[in-house]
Every structure is written in C-alpha cells, then in structure tokens.
C-alpha cells in the first residue's frame, strides 16, 4: 500500500483550515502535514508535501501568487485552489498559475477529496456545476477569435496593490519585495494611472473586488 498523499493547507481562517483538515483526515490516502496562514508561509512550507490546497484571498501573498511561485520552485508539486469565489476569471488565472483544480468552499465536503485524488493522478478538476459553462465560454471565445480575459495589472503590480491595500507603507513594501522605495512609488503611480484611480482608498476597494484581500 502506497504512503498517503502529504497535504499542505493554506487559508488565513483557522476555522476553515480545521474544517478542511477534518474532511481530508477522514481519508486513508490523504494526510495533512502542514498548515499556513498566508501565501508566503505556504511557499516556505511546501517543500515536504505532495499537494498544496490554497485559498485565493490571503494576507501577504494570495493563493494565485503562491501558486505561481510554487509552480516555478516545485514543478512536481500538485496545487488546488479552494475558494469562495465562483468566478470564471479566477478559474482561468488558477490554471495559468499552475493549479490542477478549482474547488468551491461551499461544496468542499462533496468535491475536495475527489479533487485531491484527481490532482495526485495529474488530472484536472473543476467543480461540476461550472464545468459546462466554463468550457462553453472558452470555446465561444476561441470560435470568435477572442483572447482569454487579459490581466488588468502585472504580477509585480498585483503584489504591490495587495500590500498597499493591506496598509503597508512604501518603505515596508520595498523591504518585503526587496526593491527600492522609488520603485514601489513608480509601480503605485502606474497602478493609479492604469486603473484610473486617485488614491490608496480606491486601490483598496479595487483589491477587495479583485479578491486580493478580504473585505
């Protein structure tokens, strides 16, 4: 009998992690070996696991940002996004970030175990209710010759937007991202211009709508 799949859970809500752990620990082929409260911690803890289950909206680094970083660092790691957002854009971003599945928290008790097993088999998993709509939307775009939804901001701008919205100062953001304060200011100015916004408050509202931080 093969060893259980080692799972990392990343969610900034302890109760959510506890509930997900209960779901997974009831299965003989899955074992939760690590928990993280944000995306950056997940990246640090993922080295000794087989599968990372990541929430989207987390402090410091989102689940999508963490998925991109983990895909670069650990290409053999399997990644699932577990989220409250029933959102087509997030689904495509998750696939581009390297995730092999997208599971809604509202049906985690029904779908999560199956999604974990699919990921281990190197298969994709999309929650059943969305599958037809997503595929139909994707095929319609291809038939029309349209591109997939474009990213409004670059990955670096997204990192800075998230930290600005969390209330970090320019100096703190520079230290967290290992860039100069002047570079942070330039990125923030680009964000304001690109998004047609005037100040930190409007950027924060945008970050909430984009799922980068919780309301």
Protein backbone atom coordinates (compact mmCIF):
# COMPACT_ATOMS: atom_id res chain seq x y z
CA UNK A 1 0.00 0.00 0.00
CA UNK A 2 1.44 3.39 -1.01
CA UNK A 3 2.04 6.14 1.53
CA UNK A 4 -0.73 8.76 1.96
CA UNK A 5 -0.51 11.95 -0.07
CA UNK A 6 1.04 14.69 2.10
CA UNK A 7 -1.14 17.81 2.01
CA UNK A 8 -0.45 21.45 2.86
CA UNK A 9 -3.48 23.61 3.74
CA UNK A 10 -3.19 27.39 3.30
CA UNK A 11 -6.01 29.65 4.48
CA UNK A 12 -5.94 32.66 6.78
CA UNK A 13 -9.01 31.46 8.68
CA UNK A 14 -8.19 28.85 11.33
CA UNK A 15 -11.74 27.51 11.39
CA UNK A 16 -11.68 26.91 7.64
CA UNK A 17 -8.38 25.02 7.91
CA UNK A 18 -9.81 22.96 10.75
CA UNK A 19 -12.88 22.05 8.71
CA UNK A 20 -10.85 21.14 5.64
CA UNK A 21 -8.46 19.07 7.76
CA UNK A 22 -11.42 17.11 9.14
CA UNK A 23 -12.61 16.36 5.60
CA UNK A 24 -9.19 15.16 4.43
CA UNK A 25 -8.07 13.34 7.57
CA UNK A 26 -11.06 11.02 7.24
CA UNK A 27 -9.48 9.53 4.11
CA UNK A 28 -6.77 6.84 4.38
CA UNK A 29 -4.89 8.08 1.30
CA UNK A 30 -4.64 11.75 2.40
CA UNK A 31 -2.85 13.28 5.38
CA UNK A 32 -2.46 16.96 6.31
CA UNK A 33 1.16 17.53 7.31
CA UNK A 34 1.39 21.35 7.25
CA UNK A 35 -0.82 24.43 7.61
CA UNK A 36 -0.16 28.03 6.56
CA UNK A 37 -1.99 31.25 7.34
CA UNK A 38 -0.91 33.11 4.21
CA UNK A 39 0.56 32.52 0.75
CA UNK A 40 4.12 33.41 1.70
CA UNK A 41 4.12 30.90 4.55
CA UNK A 42 2.68 28.29 2.19
CA UNK A 43 5.60 28.77 -0.20
CA UNK A 44 8.04 28.23 2.66
CA UNK A 45 6.30 25.09 3.96
CA UNK A 46 5.59 23.35 0.65
CA UNK A 47 8.95 21.66 0.19
CA UNK A 48 7.97 18.48 2.07
CA UNK A 49 4.46 17.98 0.67
CA UNK A 50 2.87 16.39 -2.40
CA UNK A 51 -0.20 18.62 -2.71
CA UNK A 52 -0.91 22.24 -1.74
CA UNK A 53 -4.52 23.36 -1.18
CA UNK A 54 -4.57 27.17 -1.37
CA UNK A 55 -7.22 29.78 -0.63
CA UNK A 56 -7.26 32.75 -3.03
CA UNK A 57 -7.61 35.74 -0.66
CA UNK A 58 -4.81 35.59 1.93
CA UNK A 59 -2.51 38.20 3.56
CA UNK A 60 0.97 39.00 2.21
CA UNK A 61 0.61 36.74 -0.83
CA UNK A 62 -2.61 35.48 -2.46
CA UNK A 63 -3.22 31.86 -3.35
CA UNK A 64 -2.73 32.68 -7.05
CA UNK A 65 0.57 34.41 -6.34
CA UNK A 66 1.68 31.48 -4.18
CA UNK A 67 0.64 29.03 -6.91
CA UNK A 68 2.77 30.87 -9.48
CA UNK A 69 5.77 30.86 -7.15
CA UNK A 70 5.32 27.20 -6.20
CA UNK A 71 4.97 26.18 -9.84
CA UNK A 72 8.33 27.85 -10.52
CA UNK A 73 10.09 26.42 -7.46
CA UNK A 74 8.50 22.96 -7.25
CA UNK A 75 7.24 21.89 -10.68
CA UNK A 76 6.24 18.41 -9.43
CA UNK A 77 4.02 19.80 -6.65
CA UNK A 78 0.28 19.43 -7.24
CA UNK A 79 -1.81 22.52 -6.49
CA UNK A 80 -5.53 23.01 -5.82
CA UNK A 81 -7.35 26.31 -5.36
CA UNK A 82 -10.08 26.17 -2.68
CA UNK A 83 -12.15 29.33 -2.77
CA UNK A 84 -15.45 31.05 -2.04
CA UNK A 85 -15.28 32.81 -5.43
CA UNK A 86 -17.42 31.26 -8.17
CA UNK A 87 -15.59 33.31 -10.76
CA UNK A 88 -14.57 32.49 -14.33
CA UNK A 89 -11.61 34.90 -14.31
CA UNK A 90 -10.15 33.32 -11.17
CA UNK A 91 -10.60 29.87 -12.67
CA UNK A 92 -8.53 30.74 -15.75
CA UNK A 93 -5.95 32.57 -13.62
CA UNK A 94 -5.68 29.48 -11.39
CA UNK A 95 -4.98 27.25 -14.39
CA UNK A 96 -2.39 29.71 -15.72
CA UNK A 97 -0.78 29.81 -12.25
CA UNK A 98 -0.27 26.04 -12.33
CA UNK A 99 -3.26 24.75 -10.35
CA UNK A 100 -4.81 21.49 -11.48
CA UNK A 101 -8.15 22.07 -9.77
CA UNK A 102 -10.61 24.71 -8.57
CA UNK A 103 -12.98 23.80 -5.73
CA UNK A 104 -15.64 25.96 -4.08
CA UNK A 105 -15.63 26.06 -0.27
CA UNK A 106 -19.41 25.79 -0.28
CA UNK A 107 -19.18 22.25 -1.66
CA UNK A 108 -15.79 21.23 -0.26
CA UNK A 109 -17.35 18.39 1.73
CA UNK A 110 -18.59 16.93 -1.56
CA UNK A 111 -15.79 17.75 -4.03
CA UNK A 112 -12.50 18.30 -2.22
CA UNK A 113 -11.45 14.68 -1.70
CA UNK A 114 -12.18 13.84 -5.33
CA UNK A 115 -10.25 16.93 -6.43
CA UNK A 116 -7.24 15.93 -4.32
CA UNK A 117 -7.19 12.44 -5.82
CA UNK A 118 -7.53 13.85 -9.34
CA UNK A 119 -4.58 16.18 -8.72
CA UNK A 120 -2.42 13.30 -7.49
CA UNK A 121 -3.29 11.41 -10.70
CA UNK A 122 -2.17 14.53 -12.61
CA UNK A 123 -5.74 15.17 -13.79
CA UNK A 124 -7.67 18.44 -13.75
CA UNK A 125 -10.71 19.03 -11.56
CA UNK A 126 -13.39 21.67 -11.98
CA UNK A 127 -16.44 21.73 -9.73
CA UNK A 128 -19.22 20.03 -11.72
CA UNK A 129 -21.69 22.91 -11.80
CA UNK A 130 -19.19 25.20 -13.56
CA UNK A 131 -17.68 22.75 -15.98
CA UNK A 132 -20.13 23.15 -18.87
CA UNK A 133 -20.40 26.93 -18.54
CA UNK A 134 -16.63 27.40 -18.42
CA UNK A 135 -15.94 25.11 -21.35
CA UNK A 136 -18.74 26.69 -23.38
CA UNK A 137 -17.42 30.19 -22.62
CA UNK A 138 -13.87 29.15 -23.54
CA UNK A 139 -14.99 27.55 -26.84
CA UNK A 140 -17.13 30.58 -27.70
CA UNK A 141 -14.09 32.81 -27.27
CA UNK A 142 -11.99 30.57 -29.49
CA UNK A 143 -14.68 30.50 -32.20
CA UNK A 144 -14.91 34.29 -32.14
CA UNK A 145 -11.13 34.58 -32.22
CA UNK A 146 -11.11 36.39 -28.86
CA UNK A 147 -8.28 36.22 -26.36
CA UNK A 148 -8.80 34.98 -22.83
CA UNK A 149 -9.54 37.74 -20.30
CA UNK A 150 -6.44 39.90 -20.03
CA UNK A 151 -4.77 40.65 -16.71
CA UNK A 152 -5.51 44.23 -15.70
CA UNK A 153 -2.16 44.50 -13.90
CA UNK A 154 1.20 42.74 -14.00
CA UNK A 155 2.22 40.22 -11.34
CA UNK A 156 4.53 42.77 -9.66
CA UNK A 157 1.83 45.44 -9.72
CA UNK A 158 -0.60 42.93 -8.20
CA UNK A 159 1.87 42.23 -5.37
CA UNK A 160 2.23 45.94 -4.66
CA UNK A 161 -1.52 46.59 -4.96
CA UNK A 162 -2.20 43.88 -2.37
CA UNK A 163 0.36 45.25 0.09
CA UNK A 164 -0.87 48.84 -0.38
CA UNK A 165 -4.42 47.68 0.31
CA UNK A 166 -3.24 45.87 3.46
CA UNK A 167 -1.94 49.20 4.77
CA UNK A 168 1.83 48.72 4.35
CA UNK A 169 3.97 51.83 3.89
CA UNK A 170 6.15 52.38 0.84
CA UNK A 171 9.24 51.53 2.92
CA UNK A 172 7.67 48.31 4.24
CA UNK A 173 6.61 47.23 0.75
CA UNK A 174 10.13 47.82 -0.56
CA UNK A 175 11.59 45.70 2.24
CA UNK A 176 9.06 42.89 1.71
CA UNK A 177 9.69 42.75 -2.05
CA UNK A 178 13.42 43.60 -1.94
CA UNK A 179 13.01 46.66 -4.16
CA UNK A 180 13.67 50.37 -3.57
CA UNK A 181 11.06 52.79 -2.25
CA UNK A 182 11.38 54.70 -5.52
CA UNK A 183 10.48 51.56 -7.49
CA UNK A 184 7.46 50.98 -5.24
CA UNK A 185 6.29 54.56 -5.86
CA UNK A 186 6.69 54.12 -9.61
CA UNK A 187 4.62 50.91 -9.60
CA UNK A 188 1.94 52.56 -7.47
CA UNK A 189 1.78 55.53 -9.84
CA UNK A 190 1.44 53.10 -12.77
CA UNK A 191 -1.39 51.32 -10.95
CA UNK A 192 -3.29 54.55 -10.30
CA UNK A 193 -2.89 55.60 -13.92
CA UNK A 194 -3.73 52.20 -15.40
CA UNK A 195 -6.82 51.69 -13.22
CA UNK A 196 -7.99 55.30 -13.44
CA UNK A 197 -7.83 55.78 -9.67
CA UNK A 198 -6.71 58.61 -7.40
CA UNK A 199 -5.63 57.25 -4.03
CA UNK A 200 -5.00 54.34 -1.66
CA UNK A 201 -8.69 54.06 -0.73
CA UNK A 202 -9.73 53.44 -4.33
CA UNK A 203 -6.89 50.94 -4.77
CA UNK A 204 -8.07 49.13 -1.63
CA UNK A 205 -11.63 48.90 -2.95
CA UNK A 206 -10.29 47.52 -6.22
CA UNK A 207 -8.17 44.94 -4.34
CA UNK A 208 -11.26 43.76 -2.44
CA UNK A 209 -13.28 43.42 -5.67
CA UNK A 210 -10.40 41.53 -7.27
CA UNK A 211 -10.25 39.09 -4.35
CA UNK A 212 -6.71 40.10 -3.34
CA UNK A 213 -7.80 40.86 0.21
CA UNK A 214 -10.89 40.09 2.28
CA UNK A 215 -13.45 42.89 2.80
